Amino acid sequence: MDAITPELIKELKTKFPKASLYQLELPDGRGFIVRGSSWDEFSRLAKSAKGNEQRLALDIVRTFVVAPAIDAQELEYNQGGEWEPGLIAALSEKIQEVLGYSKEITVKKL
């Protein structure tokens, strides 16, 4: 997995000039850089996976993780074992939290 270096961050800021960048670090030391998004982009992504939350988690990770590069085939089928159970869901939830799409809302039926 590529190291997150100042050079990499500079390169990503050039590649995504209008997006905020965030570093997420797993307890085992692996790190990911994710980019911000507009509500419109996130909404389109969520609508495309409507009714299939597992697919949405995959799409969120695939779309917003900008470093290290993710092999789409490996993400989908986990043939190399890089994506242990729960990692995709946990990473997706953290990305949503970082982007401001929190699930911490209480709903009361009236």
N, C-alpha and C. Protein backbone atom coordinates (compact mmCIF):
# COMPACT_ATOMS: atom_id res chain seq x y z
N MET A 1 0.85 -1.18 0.00
CA MET A 1 0.00 0.00 0.00
C MET A 1 0.90 1.24 0.00
N ASP A 2 0.57 2.22 -0.80
CA ASP A 2 1.37 3.42 -0.92
C ASP A 2 1.34 4.23 0.38
N ALA A 3 2.48 4.79 0.73
CA ALA A 3 2.56 5.64 1.91
C ALA A 3 1.93 7.00 1.60
N ILE A 4 1.34 7.59 2.61
CA ILE A 4 0.76 8.92 2.45
C ILE A 4 1.87 9.92 2.76
N THR A 5 2.34 10.58 1.73
CA THR A 5 3.47 11.50 1.84
C THR A 5 3.01 12.92 1.51
N PRO A 6 3.79 13.92 1.89
CA PRO A 6 3.46 15.29 1.50
C PRO A 6 3.36 15.45 -0.02
N GLU A 7 4.19 14.72 -0.75
CA GLU A 7 4.15 14.80 -2.22
C GLU A 7 2.82 14.27 -2.75
N LEU A 8 2.37 13.14 -2.17
CA LEU A 8 1.09 12.57 -2.59
C LEU A 8 -0.05 13.54 -2.29
N ILE A 9 -0.03 14.13 -1.12
CA ILE A 9 -1.08 15.09 -0.75
C ILE A 9 -1.09 16.27 -1.71
N LYS A 10 0.09 16.79 -2.04
CA LYS A 10 0.20 17.91 -2.99
C LYS A 10 -0.37 17.51 -4.34
N GLU A 11 -0.02 16.32 -4.80
CA GLU A 11 -0.53 15.81 -6.09
C GLU A 11 -2.06 15.71 -6.07
N LEU A 12 -2.62 15.20 -4.97
CA LEU A 12 -4.07 15.05 -4.88
C LEU A 12 -4.77 16.40 -4.81
N LYS A 13 -4.15 17.37 -4.14
CA LYS A 13 -4.74 18.72 -4.07
C LYS A 13 -4.76 19.36 -5.45
N THR A 14 -3.79 19.04 -6.27
CA THR A 14 -3.76 19.53 -7.65
C THR A 14 -4.83 18.82 -8.48
N LYS A 15 -4.96 17.53 -8.27
CA LYS A 15 -5.92 16.73 -9.04
C LYS A 15 -7.37 17.06 -8.67
N PHE A 16 -7.61 17.36 -7.39
CA PHE A 16 -8.96 17.68 -6.90
C PHE A 16 -8.95 19.06 -6.23
N PRO A 17 -8.78 20.12 -7.03
CA PRO A 17 -8.58 21.45 -6.45
C PRO A 17 -9.76 22.00 -5.65
N LYS A 18 -10.96 21.57 -5.97
CA LYS A 18 -12.13 22.11 -5.29
C LYS A 18 -12.63 21.22 -4.16
N ALA A 19 -12.04 20.06 -4.00
CA ALA A 19 -12.51 19.11 -2.99
C ALA A 19 -11.64 19.16 -1.75
N SER A 20 -12.26 19.03 -0.60
CA SER A 20 -11.51 18.87 0.64
C SER A 20 -10.96 17.45 0.66
N LEU A 21 -9.81 17.28 1.29
CA LEU A 21 -9.21 15.96 1.43
C LEU A 21 -9.13 15.60 2.91
N TYR A 22 -9.34 14.34 3.21
CA TYR A 22 -9.33 13.86 4.59
C TYR A 22 -8.52 12.56 4.65
N GLN A 23 -7.77 12.41 5.73
CA GLN A 23 -7.02 11.17 5.93
C GLN A 23 -7.74 10.33 6.98
N LEU A 24 -8.00 9.07 6.63
CA LEU A 24 -8.60 8.12 7.56
C LEU A 24 -7.54 7.06 7.86
N GLU A 25 -7.38 6.72 9.12
CA GLU A 25 -6.39 5.73 9.48
C GLU A 25 -7.04 4.61 10.27
N LEU A 26 -6.74 3.38 9.85
CA LEU A 26 -7.27 2.20 10.51
C LEU A 26 -6.41 1.88 11.73
N PRO A 27 -6.96 1.13 12.69
CA PRO A 27 -6.17 0.76 13.86
C PRO A 27 -4.88 0.01 13.52
N ASP A 28 -4.86 -0.68 12.40
CA ASP A 28 -3.66 -1.44 12.02
C ASP A 28 -2.62 -0.56 11.30
N GLY A 29 -2.89 0.74 11.19
CA GLY A 29 -1.94 1.66 10.59
C GLY A 29 -2.16 1.96 9.12
N ARG A 30 -3.03 1.20 8.45
CA ARG A 30 -3.31 1.50 7.04
C ARG A 30 -4.04 2.83 6.96
N GLY A 31 -3.70 3.61 5.95
CA GLY A 31 -4.33 4.91 5.79
C GLY A 31 -4.97 5.07 4.43
N PHE A 32 -6.00 5.89 4.39
CA PHE A 32 -6.71 6.20 3.15
C PHE A 32 -6.92 7.71 3.10
N ILE A 33 -6.88 8.25 1.91
CA ILE A 33 -7.26 9.65 1.72
C ILE A 33 -8.56 9.65 0.94
N VAL A 34 -9.52 10.39 1.45
CA VAL A 34 -10.82 10.51 0.78
C VAL A 34 -11.03 11.97 0.41
N ARG A 35 -11.81 12.15 -0.63
CA ARG A 35 -12.10 13.51 -1.08
C ARG A 35 -13.53 13.87 -0.71
N GLY A 36 -13.77 15.14 -0.58
CA GLY A 36 -15.11 15.63 -0.32
C GLY A 36 -15.97 15.57 -1.58
N SER A 37 -17.24 15.85 -1.40
CA SER A 37 -18.15 15.84 -2.54
C SER A 37 -19.26 16.85 -2.31
N SER A 38 -19.96 17.13 -3.37
CA SER A 38 -21.15 17.96 -3.25
C SER A 38 -22.33 17.07 -2.85
N TRP A 39 -23.36 17.66 -2.35
CA TRP A 39 -24.55 16.89 -2.00
C TRP A 39 -25.12 16.23 -3.25
N ASP A 40 -25.10 16.94 -4.36
CA ASP A 40 -25.64 16.41 -5.61
C ASP A 40 -24.93 15.12 -6.02
N GLU A 41 -23.61 15.13 -5.97
CA GLU A 41 -22.85 13.93 -6.34
C GLU A 41 -23.17 12.77 -5.39
N PHE A 42 -23.19 13.05 -4.10
CA PHE A 42 -23.47 12.00 -3.13
C PHE A 42 -24.89 11.47 -3.29
N SER A 43 -25.82 12.36 -3.53
CA SER A 43 -27.23 11.98 -3.71
C SER A 43 -27.41 11.07 -4.91
N ARG A 44 -26.77 11.40 -6.03
CA ARG A 44 -26.84 10.55 -7.23
C ARG A 44 -26.28 9.16 -6.94
N LEU A 45 -25.19 9.10 -6.20
CA LEU A 45 -24.58 7.83 -5.85
C LEU A 45 -25.53 7.01 -4.97
N ALA A 46 -26.14 7.66 -3.99
CA ALA A 46 -27.07 6.96 -3.09
C ALA A 46 -28.30 6.47 -3.85
N LYS A 47 -28.82 7.28 -4.75
CA LYS A 47 -30.00 6.87 -5.53
C LYS A 47 -29.70 5.69 -6.44
N SER A 48 -28.48 5.64 -6.98
CA SER A 48 -28.14 4.55 -7.90
C SER A 48 -28.07 3.20 -7.18
N ALA A 49 -27.88 3.20 -5.86
CA ALA A 49 -27.79 1.95 -5.10
C ALA A 49 -29.00 1.76 -4.19
N LYS A 50 -30.06 2.48 -4.46
CA LYS A 50 -31.24 2.43 -3.60
C LYS A 50 -31.71 0.98 -3.39
N GLY A 51 -31.89 0.63 -2.11
CA GLY A 51 -32.36 -0.71 -1.77
C GLY A 51 -31.25 -1.73 -1.61
N ASN A 52 -30.02 -1.34 -1.88
CA ASN A 52 -28.90 -2.26 -1.74
C ASN A 52 -27.77 -1.55 -1.01
N GLU A 53 -27.84 -1.52 0.32
CA GLU A 53 -26.87 -0.79 1.13
C GLU A 53 -25.45 -1.34 0.98
N GLN A 54 -25.33 -2.64 0.77
CA GLN A 54 -24.00 -3.21 0.57
C GLN A 54 -23.37 -2.65 -0.70
N ARG A 55 -24.15 -2.52 -1.75
CA ARG A 55 -23.66 -1.94 -3.00
C ARG A 55 -23.29 -0.47 -2.76
N LEU A 56 -24.09 0.24 -1.98
CA LEU A 56 -23.80 1.64 -1.70
C LEU A 56 -22.46 1.77 -0.98
N ALA A 57 -22.19 0.91 -0.01
CA ALA A 57 -20.92 0.97 0.70
C ALA A 57 -19.75 0.78 -0.26
N LEU A 58 -19.85 -0.18 -1.15
CA LEU A 58 -18.80 -0.40 -2.16
C LEU A 58 -18.63 0.83 -3.04
N ASP A 59 -19.74 1.40 -3.50
CA ASP A 59 -19.68 2.57 -4.38
C ASP A 59 -19.08 3.78 -3.68
N ILE A 60 -19.40 3.96 -2.40
CA ILE A 60 -18.84 5.08 -1.65
C ILE A 60 -17.33 4.94 -1.53
N VAL A 61 -16.86 3.75 -1.17
CA VAL A 61 -15.42 3.52 -1.05
C VAL A 61 -14.75 3.71 -2.40
N ARG A 62 -15.31 3.13 -3.44
CA ARG A 62 -14.74 3.22 -4.80
C ARG A 62 -14.69 4.67 -5.28
N THR A 63 -15.71 5.45 -4.97
CA THR A 63 -15.80 6.82 -5.48
C THR A 63 -14.95 7.82 -4.71
N PHE A 64 -14.93 7.73 -3.39
CA PHE A 64 -14.34 8.80 -2.59
C PHE A 64 -12.93 8.52 -2.07
N VAL A 65 -12.49 7.27 -2.07
CA VAL A 65 -11.10 7.00 -1.68
C VAL A 65 -10.22 7.34 -2.88
N VAL A 66 -9.32 8.29 -2.70
CA VAL A 66 -8.46 8.72 -3.80
C VAL A 66 -7.03 8.23 -3.65
N ALA A 67 -6.68 7.73 -2.49
CA ALA A 67 -5.35 7.14 -2.27
C ALA A 67 -5.43 6.22 -1.05
N PRO A 68 -4.77 5.11 -1.09
CA PRO A 68 -4.07 4.55 -2.23
C PRO A 68 -5.06 4.11 -3.30
N ALA A 69 -4.57 3.89 -4.50
CA ALA A 69 -5.44 3.43 -5.58
C ALA A 69 -6.06 2.10 -5.19
N ILE A 70 -7.33 1.95 -5.47
CA ILE A 70 -8.04 0.72 -5.13
C ILE A 70 -8.33 -0.05 -6.40
N ASP A 71 -7.97 -1.29 -6.40
CA ASP A 71 -8.27 -2.19 -7.52
C ASP A 71 -9.75 -2.54 -7.41
N ALA A 72 -10.55 -2.10 -8.38
CA ALA A 72 -12.00 -2.31 -8.35
C ALA A 72 -12.36 -3.79 -8.27
N GLN A 73 -11.63 -4.61 -8.98
CA GLN A 73 -11.87 -6.06 -8.98
C GLN A 73 -11.62 -6.63 -7.58
N GLU A 74 -10.54 -6.21 -6.95
CA GLU A 74 -10.21 -6.69 -5.61
C GLU A 74 -11.24 -6.21 -4.58
N LEU A 75 -11.67 -4.96 -4.73
CA LEU A 75 -12.70 -4.43 -3.84
C LEU A 75 -13.99 -5.23 -3.96
N GLU A 76 -14.35 -5.55 -5.18
CA GLU A 76 -15.61 -6.27 -5.44
C GLU A 76 -15.57 -7.72 -4.97
N TYR A 77 -14.46 -8.41 -5.24
CA TYR A 77 -14.44 -9.87 -5.00
C TYR A 77 -13.50 -10.32 -3.89
N ASN A 78 -12.63 -9.45 -3.40
CA ASN A 78 -11.74 -9.73 -2.28
C ASN A 78 -10.93 -11.01 -2.46
N GLN A 79 -10.44 -11.23 -3.64
CA GLN A 79 -9.67 -12.44 -3.93
C GLN A 79 -8.33 -12.46 -3.19
N GLY A 80 -7.74 -11.31 -2.96
CA GLY A 80 -6.46 -11.23 -2.26
C GLY A 80 -6.60 -11.09 -0.75
N GLY A 81 -7.83 -10.96 -0.27
CA GLY A 81 -8.07 -10.87 1.16
C GLY A 81 -7.74 -9.53 1.80
N GLU A 82 -7.59 -8.48 0.99
CA GLU A 82 -7.28 -7.15 1.53
C GLU A 82 -8.47 -6.52 2.26
N TRP A 83 -9.67 -6.90 1.88
CA TRP A 83 -10.87 -6.26 2.40
C TRP A 83 -11.59 -7.22 3.35
N GLU A 84 -11.06 -7.35 4.57
CA GLU A 84 -11.65 -8.24 5.55
C GLU A 84 -13.09 -7.85 5.87
N PRO A 85 -13.87 -8.81 6.38
CA PRO A 85 -15.29 -8.55 6.65
C PRO A 85 -15.48 -7.29 7.51
N GLY A 86 -16.37 -6.47 7.10
CA GLY A 86 -16.71 -5.26 7.84
C GLY A 86 -15.89 -4.04 7.47
N LEU A 87 -14.75 -4.22 6.81
CA LEU A 87 -13.90 -3.07 6.49
C LEU A 87 -14.59 -2.11 5.53
N ILE A 88 -15.22 -2.64 4.49
CA ILE A 88 -15.89 -1.78 3.51
C ILE A 88 -17.01 -1.00 4.18
N ALA A 89 -17.83 -1.69 4.98
CA ALA A 89 -18.94 -1.02 5.66
C ALA A 89 -18.43 0.05 6.63
N ALA A 90 -17.39 -0.28 7.41
CA ALA A 90 -16.84 0.67 8.38
C ALA A 90 -16.22 1.88 7.67
N LEU A 91 -15.49 1.63 6.60
CA LEU A 91 -14.87 2.72 5.85
C LEU A 91 -15.94 3.60 5.20
N SER A 92 -16.98 2.98 4.66
CA SER A 92 -18.07 3.74 4.07
C SER A 92 -18.76 4.63 5.10
N GLU A 93 -19.01 4.08 6.28
CA GLU A 93 -19.65 4.88 7.34
C GLU A 93 -18.78 6.05 7.75
N LYS A 94 -17.48 5.82 7.88
CA LYS A 94 -16.57 6.89 8.27
C LYS A 94 -16.49 7.96 7.18
N ILE A 95 -16.49 7.54 5.92
CA ILE A 95 -16.48 8.50 4.81
C ILE A 95 -17.74 9.36 4.87
N GLN A 96 -18.88 8.74 5.09
CA GLN A 96 -20.13 9.50 5.18
C GLN A 96 -20.09 10.48 6.34
N GLU A 97 -19.52 10.06 7.45
CA GLU A 97 -19.40 10.95 8.61
C GLU A 97 -18.51 12.14 8.30
N VAL A 98 -17.35 11.86 7.67
CA VAL A 98 -16.41 12.92 7.30
C VAL A 98 -17.06 13.92 6.34
N LEU A 99 -17.87 13.40 5.42
CA LEU A 99 -18.53 14.27 4.45
C LEU A 99 -19.73 15.01 5.02
N GLY A 100 -20.08 14.70 6.26
CA GLY A 100 -21.17 15.41 6.92
C GLY A 100 -22.52 14.74 6.79
N TYR A 101 -22.54 13.52 6.30
CA TYR A 101 -23.80 12.80 6.13
C TYR A 101 -23.96 11.82 7.29
N SER A 102 -24.25 12.36 8.45
CA SER A 102 -24.33 11.56 9.67
C SER A 102 -25.70 10.93 9.82
N LYS A 103 -25.72 9.78 10.48
CA LYS A 103 -26.99 9.08 10.71
C LYS A 103 -27.54 9.40 12.10
N GLU A 104 -26.94 10.33 12.79
CA GLU A 104 -27.33 10.65 14.16
C GLU A 104 -28.51 11.61 14.21
N ILE A 105 -29.63 11.17 13.69
CA ILE A 105 -30.85 11.97 13.68
C ILE A 105 -31.96 11.13 14.28
N THR A 106 -32.71 11.72 15.18
CA THR A 106 -33.83 11.00 15.80
C THR A 106 -35.10 11.34 15.05
N VAL A 107 -35.89 10.34 14.73
CA VAL A 107 -37.16 10.53 14.04
C VAL A 107 -38.28 10.05 14.96
N LYS A 108 -39.28 10.88 15.10
CA LYS A 108 -40.45 10.51 15.91
C LYS A 108 -41.69 10.60 15.02
N LYS A 109 -42.48 9.55 15.05
CA LYS A 109 -43.71 9.54 14.30
C LYS A 109 -44.71 10.42 15.04
N LEU A 110 -45.40 11.28 14.33
CA LEU A 110 -46.39 12.19 14.93
C LEU A 110 -47.80 11.80 14.56
